């Protein structure tokens, strides 16, 4: 069980980082082992982690790859070792042992079609900081909840719990 929370201000306003950190702390019960965040002027992505798979230094989130993709993820990929082998065969290198890294590397190689290779339950947000694209996804059964809100000013994504507003 993990939790993630993100705010992307689409109006050009700066994200209130202190308020976002406070909102992330409301998810502590979903991931007491670690709490990290990525923050820039117009974005805040935070993650709380309960370590189950891939308990190493390369499993922390938000996770950033070499293509400027930033991942906040909750779930379990049942066939992640299989998918990892496919990715290694295609020349993809790994630093750790987590299914989160497999999830992000699969997206990096196969794009939004990567879920065709996955068997599991998950919800995730992937943000590309180079082109400012946001990709949100959850498993097709909706086992892992994912909530979002968008208006003229901000985009908010939440995996369960209370929401945040920068207004």
Protein backbone atom coordinates (compact mmCIF):
# COMPACT_ATOMS: atom_id res chain seq x y z
CA UNK A 1 0.00 0.00 0.00
CA UNK A 2 1.40 3.37 -1.04
CA UNK A 3 -0.02 6.78 -1.73
CA UNK A 4 0.73 9.59 -4.09
CA UNK A 5 -0.42 13.12 -4.55
CA UNK A 6 0.32 15.69 -7.22
CA UNK A 7 -0.49 19.25 -8.17
CA UNK A 8 0.30 20.77 -11.53
CA UNK A 9 -0.58 24.44 -11.89
CA UNK A 10 -1.61 25.01 -15.48
CA UNK A 11 -2.20 28.72 -14.99
CA UNK A 12 1.47 29.56 -14.49
CA UNK A 13 1.09 30.06 -10.74
CA UNK A 14 3.74 28.63 -8.45
CA UNK A 15 2.65 25.59 -6.42
CA UNK A 16 2.46 26.28 -2.70
CA UNK A 17 5.09 23.72 -1.72
CA UNK A 18 4.44 23.93 2.02
CA UNK A 19 0.75 23.29 1.53
CA UNK A 20 1.48 20.43 -0.86
CA UNK A 21 3.84 18.81 1.67
CA UNK A 22 1.15 19.18 4.31
CA UNK A 23 -1.35 17.49 1.99
CA UNK A 24 1.11 14.68 1.27
CA UNK A 25 1.49 14.07 5.01
CA UNK A 26 -2.21 13.09 5.08
CA UNK A 27 -1.19 9.98 3.11
CA UNK A 28 1.40 8.86 5.67
CA UNK A 29 -0.80 5.96 6.81
CA UNK A 30 -0.64 4.54 3.27
CA UNK A 31 3.15 4.47 3.22
CA UNK A 32 5.00 4.86 6.50
CA UNK A 33 8.37 3.54 5.23
CA UNK A 34 9.31 6.49 3.00
CA UNK A 35 7.99 9.86 1.95
CA UNK A 36 9.59 11.80 -0.92
CA UNK A 37 8.56 14.44 -3.40
CA UNK A 38 9.60 16.17 -6.60
CA UNK A 39 8.91 19.87 -6.80
CA UNK A 40 9.43 22.57 -9.40
CA UNK A 41 7.76 25.96 -9.81
CA UNK A 42 4.49 24.70 -11.27
CA UNK A 43 4.47 21.06 -10.13
CA UNK A 44 4.54 19.00 -6.97
CA UNK A 45 4.55 15.20 -7.00
CA UNK A 46 4.71 13.37 -3.69
CA UNK A 47 4.78 9.70 -2.76
CA UNK A 48 4.48 7.71 0.46
CA UNK A 49 5.77 4.16 0.40
CA UNK A 50 5.14 0.90 2.14
CA UNK A 51 8.08 -1.29 1.07
CA UNK A 52 6.98 -4.65 -0.30
CA UNK A 53 8.75 -5.30 -3.62
CA UNK A 54 12.19 -3.88 -4.37
CA UNK A 55 13.39 -2.67 -1.01
CA UNK A 56 16.55 -0.95 -2.26
CA UNK A 57 17.86 2.58 -2.77
CA UNK A 58 16.59 2.61 -6.38
CA UNK A 59 12.95 1.94 -5.45
CA UNK A 60 12.13 5.36 -4.01
CA UNK A 61 9.56 7.55 -5.67
CA UNK A 62 8.94 9.85 -7.33
CA UNK A 63 11.27 7.94 -9.64
CA UNK A 64 12.97 9.77 -12.52
CA UNK A 65 14.36 8.00 -15.60
CA UNK A 66 16.90 9.15 -18.19
CA UNK A 67 14.10 10.45 -20.45
CA UNK A 68 12.86 13.00 -17.88
CA UNK A 69 9.84 10.87 -16.98
CA UNK A 70 8.84 11.11 -13.33
CA UNK A 71 6.76 8.30 -11.85
CA UNK A 72 4.41 8.17 -8.88
CA UNK A 73 3.00 4.67 -8.70
CA UNK A 74 1.03 2.39 -6.43
CA UNK A 75 0.32 -1.22 -7.12
CA UNK A 76 1.83 -4.52 -7.97
CA UNK A 77 2.85 -5.90 -11.33
CA UNK A 78 2.51 -9.66 -10.95
CA UNK A 79 4.60 -10.43 -14.03
CA UNK A 80 7.24 -7.73 -13.50
CA UNK A 81 10.14 -10.21 -13.66
CA UNK A 82 8.89 -11.42 -17.05
CA UNK A 83 8.49 -7.87 -18.32
CA UNK A 84 11.91 -6.96 -16.94
CA UNK A 85 13.48 -9.82 -18.94
CA UNK A 86 11.78 -8.56 -22.13
CA UNK A 87 13.11 -5.08 -21.46
CA UNK A 88 16.64 -6.35 -20.78
CA UNK A 89 16.52 -8.26 -24.08
CA UNK A 90 15.77 -4.92 -25.76
CA UNK A 91 18.80 -3.31 -24.12
CA UNK A 92 17.09 -1.59 -21.20
CA UNK A 93 19.28 -1.35 -18.09
CA UNK A 94 18.08 -1.44 -14.49
CA UNK A 95 19.55 -0.03 -11.30
CA UNK A 96 17.26 -1.78 -8.81
CA UNK A 97 14.84 -4.63 -8.31
CA UNK A 98 11.45 -2.95 -7.97
CA UNK A 99 8.34 -3.38 -10.07
CA UNK A 100 8.12 0.42 -10.05
CA UNK A 101 11.30 0.68 -12.09
CA UNK A 102 9.98 -1.97 -14.50
CA UNK A 103 6.75 0.04 -14.82
CA UNK A 104 8.64 3.24 -15.67
CA UNK A 105 11.14 1.57 -18.04
CA UNK A 106 8.29 -0.22 -19.85
CA UNK A 107 6.59 3.14 -20.39
CA UNK A 108 9.89 4.58 -21.63
CA UNK A 109 10.28 1.83 -24.22
CA UNK A 110 6.72 1.11 -25.32
CA UNK A 111 4.96 4.41 -24.60
CA UNK A 112 1.32 4.39 -23.58
CA UNK A 113 0.89 0.88 -25.02
CA UNK A 114 3.14 -0.53 -22.30
CA UNK A 115 0.16 -1.72 -20.27
CA UNK A 116 -0.43 -4.46 -22.86
CA UNK A 117 2.61 -6.18 -21.32
CA UNK A 118 1.49 -5.82 -17.69
CA UNK A 119 -0.52 -8.10 -15.47
CA UNK A 120 -1.35 -6.45 -12.19
CA UNK A 121 -3.23 -3.82 -10.27
CA UNK A 122 -1.94 -0.26 -10.26
CA UNK A 123 -2.57 3.43 -10.53
CA UNK A 124 0.10 5.85 -11.63
CA UNK A 125 1.04 9.29 -12.81
CA UNK A 126 3.93 9.82 -15.21
CA UNK A 127 5.04 13.38 -15.84
CA UNK A 128 7.55 14.28 -18.52
CA UNK A 129 9.38 17.38 -17.34
CA UNK A 130 10.86 18.11 -20.79
CA UNK A 131 7.58 18.39 -22.69
CA UNK A 132 5.25 18.90 -19.67
CA UNK A 133 3.01 15.96 -20.58
CA UNK A 134 1.05 14.12 -17.92
CA UNK A 135 0.01 10.49 -18.30
CA UNK A 136 -2.30 9.04 -15.66
CA UNK A 137 -3.42 5.45 -15.66
CA UNK A 138 -4.92 2.76 -13.52
CA UNK A 139 -5.48 -0.92 -14.09
CA UNK A 140 -8.51 -1.75 -16.22
CA UNK A 141 -10.43 -3.19 -13.25
CA UNK A 142 -9.88 -0.07 -11.17
CA UNK A 143 -8.55 -2.01 -8.20
CA UNK A 144 -6.20 0.82 -7.24
CA UNK A 145 -8.21 4.03 -6.94
CA UNK A 146 -7.14 7.19 -8.72
CA UNK A 147 -8.88 10.51 -8.36
CA UNK A 148 -8.20 13.71 -10.23
CA UNK A 149 -9.53 17.22 -10.51
CA UNK A 150 -8.88 19.79 -13.21
CA UNK A 151 -10.04 23.35 -13.71
CA UNK A 152 -8.64 26.46 -15.41
CA UNK A 153 -5.87 26.78 -12.85
CA UNK A 154 -4.65 23.39 -11.73
CA UNK A 155 -4.61 19.66 -12.18
CA UNK A 156 -4.73 17.61 -9.00
CA UNK A 157 -4.27 13.86 -8.79
CA UNK A 158 -4.76 11.78 -5.69
CA UNK A 159 -4.60 8.16 -4.70
CA UNK A 160 -7.27 8.11 -2.00
CA UNK A 161 -7.69 10.51 0.94
CA UNK A 162 -8.18 14.27 1.17
CA UNK A 163 -7.64 16.72 -1.66
CA UNK A 164 -5.60 19.88 -1.98
CA UNK A 165 -6.27 23.17 -3.70
CA UNK A 166 -3.77 25.90 -4.43
CA UNK A 167 -6.47 28.57 -4.73
